[in-house]
Amino acid sequence: MIERLLDGERQLGGEESRRAIGDILAASDALAGCLDETGKQWLEKLGDAYGRRERSVMEAAFREGFCQAVLLALDVLAYQADLPED
């Protein structure tokens, strides 16, 4: 299970995410064609910053979700420990 959770190759977001990535890349290419070298450098910096932001958000969401799952598991264990034995 841990290996599955840490699998960075898995595509999150499914088909909608793939379409959005395609749209982003197409718009970025079209915009780059309209810019001078300075503009292209700024566009690349913007893309890099956006990528870093997305990675940090995904990592934070993973950590939060994992912690919530552990807390839920602890609640289940505590509940089971309080059940009378048959």
Protein backbone atom coordinates (compact mmCIF):
# COMPACT_ATOMS: atom_id res chain seq x y z
CA MET A 1 0.00 0.00 0.00
CA ILE A 2 2.81 2.44 0.85
CA GLU A 3 4.41 1.80 -2.55
CA ARG A 4 1.10 2.57 -4.25
CA LEU A 5 0.70 5.79 -2.27
CA LEU A 6 4.21 6.94 -3.10
CA ASP A 7 4.00 6.03 -6.80
CA GLY A 8 4.90 9.30 -8.46
CA GLU A 9 4.25 7.91 -11.94
CA ARG A 10 0.52 7.55 -11.37
CA GLN A 11 -1.49 10.20 -13.15
CA LEU A 12 -3.71 12.02 -10.67
CA GLY A 13 -6.87 13.65 -11.89
CA GLY A 14 -7.57 11.18 -14.70
CA GLU A 15 -8.72 12.23 -18.14
CA GLU A 16 -9.69 15.77 -17.10
CA SER A 17 -6.17 16.37 -15.80
CA ARG A 18 -4.65 15.10 -19.07
CA ARG A 19 -6.91 17.41 -21.08
CA ALA A 20 -6.00 20.38 -18.87
CA ILE A 21 -2.28 19.64 -19.23
CA GLY A 22 -2.72 19.50 -23.00
CA ASP A 23 -4.53 22.85 -22.96
CA ILE A 24 -1.81 24.40 -20.79
CA LEU A 25 0.96 23.16 -23.07
CA ALA A 26 -0.84 24.34 -26.22
CA ALA A 27 -1.49 27.80 -24.75
CA SER A 28 2.09 28.04 -23.51
CA ASP A 29 3.46 27.14 -26.96
CA ALA A 30 1.14 29.65 -28.66
CA LEU A 31 2.11 32.37 -26.21
CA ALA A 32 5.82 31.61 -26.56
CA GLY A 33 5.46 32.14 -30.31
CA CYS A 34 4.24 35.69 -29.67
CA LEU A 35 7.00 36.68 -27.24
CA ASP A 36 10.51 37.98 -27.57
CA GLU A 37 13.37 36.26 -25.71
CA THR A 38 12.76 38.20 -22.51
CA GLY A 39 9.07 37.31 -22.59
CA LYS A 40 9.91 33.64 -23.19
CA GLN A 41 12.22 33.68 -20.16
CA TRP A 42 9.43 35.13 -18.02
CA LEU A 43 6.99 32.54 -19.35
CA GLU A 44 9.42 29.77 -18.41
CA LYS A 45 9.88 31.26 -14.92
CA LEU A 46 6.10 31.44 -14.54
CA GLY A 47 5.74 27.80 -15.59
CA ASP A 48 8.48 26.70 -13.18
CA ALA A 49 6.89 28.61 -10.28
CA TYR A 50 3.48 27.13 -11.10
CA GLY A 51 4.98 23.62 -11.15
CA ARG A 52 6.65 24.14 -7.76
CA ARG A 53 3.37 25.41 -6.32
CA GLU A 54 1.43 22.43 -7.66
CA ARG A 55 3.98 19.98 -6.22
CA SER A 56 3.84 21.64 -2.80
CA VAL A 57 0.01 21.60 -2.82
CA MET A 58 -0.08 17.92 -3.82
CA GLU A 59 2.47 16.99 -1.16
CA ALA A 60 0.52 18.90 1.50
CA ALA A 61 -2.74 17.25 0.41
CA PHE A 62 -1.09 13.83 0.57
CA ARG A 63 0.27 14.49 4.05
CA GLU A 64 -3.09 15.77 5.29
CA GLY A 65 -4.99 12.86 3.77
CA PHE A 66 -2.52 10.34 5.16
CA CYS A 67 -2.74 11.84 8.65
CA GLN A 68 -6.54 11.83 8.52
CA ALA A 69 -6.50 8.17 7.46
CA VAL A 70 -4.22 7.28 10.38
CA LEU A 71 -6.50 9.12 12.82
CA LEU A 72 -9.50 7.28 11.40
CA ALA A 73 -7.68 3.95 11.79
CA LEU A 74 -6.88 4.82 15.41
CA ASP A 75 -10.55 5.64 16.05
CA VAL A 76 -11.55 2.27 14.61
CA LEU A 77 -8.99 0.46 16.76
CA ALA A 78 -10.19 2.29 19.87
CA TYR A 79 -13.80 1.43 19.04
CA GLN A 80 -12.92 -2.22 18.51
CA ALA A 81 -11.00 -2.32 21.80
CA ASP A 82 -14.13 -1.13 23.63
CA LEU A 83 -16.38 -3.82 22.13
CA PRO A 84 -17.36 -6.62 24.51
CA GLU A 85 -15.97 -10.02 23.61
CA ASP A 86 -18.49 -12.63 22.51
